Amino acid sequence: MILLPGSRLSESNRRPVHYEEPRGWLARRRVAIPVEIALFATGAAVFVLSAPSHDATYTSGIAICLPAAVVSAGTTALGMWLRRRRTASA
């Protein structure tokens, strides 16, 4: 039971607070994937275009972004799979 500080309820009048899992705060797949692509493309463009400022080449920037894209897609796929699995069992 959770009571707020300063509450003046008697023992018999106290009610437990029930928490529910917030539903709907995760983006749907058709929204999450395009948003991820846009954010990754923006980040990759900034990373690659700023490579010469950091004594690197454009090629090395691209070589770093490609594996990062695979990791990013994999974590999104894993998150979607876990969400589908969790909502199916609930």
Protein backbone atom coordinates (compact mmCIF):
# COMPACT_ATOMS: atom_id res chain seq x y z
CA MET A 1 0.00 0.00 0.00
CA ILE A 2 1.30 3.43 -0.90
CA LEU A 3 0.27 6.49 1.06
CA LEU A 4 1.22 10.02 0.28
CA PRO A 5 3.07 11.92 2.99
CA GLY A 6 0.70 13.87 5.19
CA SER A 7 -2.35 11.77 4.34
CA ARG A 8 -4.80 11.62 7.21
CA LEU A 9 -6.67 8.46 6.47
CA SER A 10 -7.48 6.04 9.23
CA GLU A 11 -6.28 2.46 8.94
CA SER A 12 -9.75 1.26 7.98
CA ASN A 13 -10.15 3.95 5.33
CA ARG A 14 -6.87 3.35 3.49
CA ARG A 15 -7.10 1.78 0.08
CA PRO A 16 -4.23 0.16 -1.78
CA VAL A 17 -3.00 1.84 -4.92
CA HIS A 18 -2.97 -0.44 -7.95
CA TYR A 19 -0.59 0.22 -10.79
CA GLU A 20 -1.14 -0.94 -14.32
CA GLU A 21 1.41 -1.21 -17.06
CA PRO A 22 1.25 1.91 -19.24
CA ARG A 23 -0.16 0.76 -22.53
CA GLY A 24 0.32 2.60 -25.76
CA TRP A 25 3.50 4.48 -24.84
CA LEU A 26 5.55 2.42 -27.29
CA ALA A 27 5.36 3.46 -30.90
CA ARG A 28 3.70 1.13 -33.36
CA ARG A 29 5.89 -0.65 -35.88
CA ARG A 30 4.76 1.48 -38.82
CA VAL A 31 5.82 4.59 -36.88
CA ALA A 32 8.93 3.28 -35.10
CA ILE A 33 10.75 2.00 -38.18
CA PRO A 34 10.51 5.20 -40.30
CA VAL A 35 11.44 7.33 -37.27
CA GLU A 36 14.46 5.11 -36.61
CA ILE A 37 15.52 5.31 -40.25
CA ALA A 38 15.22 9.11 -40.27
CA LEU A 39 17.16 9.51 -37.04
CA PHE A 40 19.86 7.08 -38.12
CA ALA A 41 20.20 8.71 -41.53
CA THR A 42 20.57 12.12 -39.92
CA GLY A 43 23.15 10.86 -37.44
CA ALA A 44 25.07 8.96 -40.09
CA ALA A 45 25.15 11.97 -42.41
CA VAL A 46 26.50 14.20 -39.65
CA PHE A 47 29.03 11.53 -38.66
CA VAL A 48 30.30 10.95 -42.19
CA LEU A 49 30.34 14.62 -43.17
CA SER A 50 32.26 15.59 -40.04
CA ALA A 51 34.86 12.82 -40.46
CA PRO A 52 37.50 15.06 -42.14
CA SER A 53 37.27 17.45 -39.19
CA HIS A 54 38.46 14.61 -36.99
CA ASP A 55 41.39 13.51 -39.17
CA ALA A 56 39.43 10.67 -40.78
CA THR A 57 38.13 9.95 -44.26
CA TYR A 58 34.59 9.73 -45.53
CA THR A 59 35.20 6.05 -46.24
CA SER A 60 36.08 5.33 -42.63
CA GLY A 61 32.92 7.11 -41.52
CA ILE A 62 30.83 4.97 -43.83
CA ALA A 63 32.68 1.85 -42.67
CA ILE A 64 31.69 2.65 -39.09
CA CYS A 65 28.07 3.52 -39.94
CA LEU A 66 27.31 0.28 -41.78
CA PRO A 67 27.80 -2.04 -38.78
CA ALA A 68 26.02 0.52 -36.60
CA ALA A 69 23.04 0.33 -38.97
CA VAL A 70 22.95 -3.46 -38.56
CA VAL A 71 23.05 -3.14 -34.77
CA SER A 72 20.35 -0.47 -34.84
CA ALA A 73 18.07 -2.59 -37.02
CA GLY A 74 18.73 -5.62 -34.84
CA THR A 75 17.85 -3.84 -31.61
CA THR A 76 14.64 -2.50 -33.17
CA ALA A 77 13.70 -5.97 -34.38
CA LEU A 78 14.48 -7.42 -30.95
CA GLY A 79 12.38 -4.74 -29.26
CA MET A 80 9.44 -5.38 -31.60
CA TRP A 81 9.74 -9.13 -31.00
CA LEU A 82 9.85 -8.68 -27.22
CA ARG A 83 6.87 -6.33 -27.32
CA ARG A 84 4.85 -8.75 -29.45
CA ARG A 85 5.80 -11.62 -27.16
CA ARG A 86 4.95 -9.65 -24.02
CA THR A 87 1.57 -8.42 -25.27
CA ALA A 88 0.66 -11.89 -26.52
CA SER A 89 1.26 -13.45 -23.11
CA ALA A 90 -0.60 -10.71 -21.20
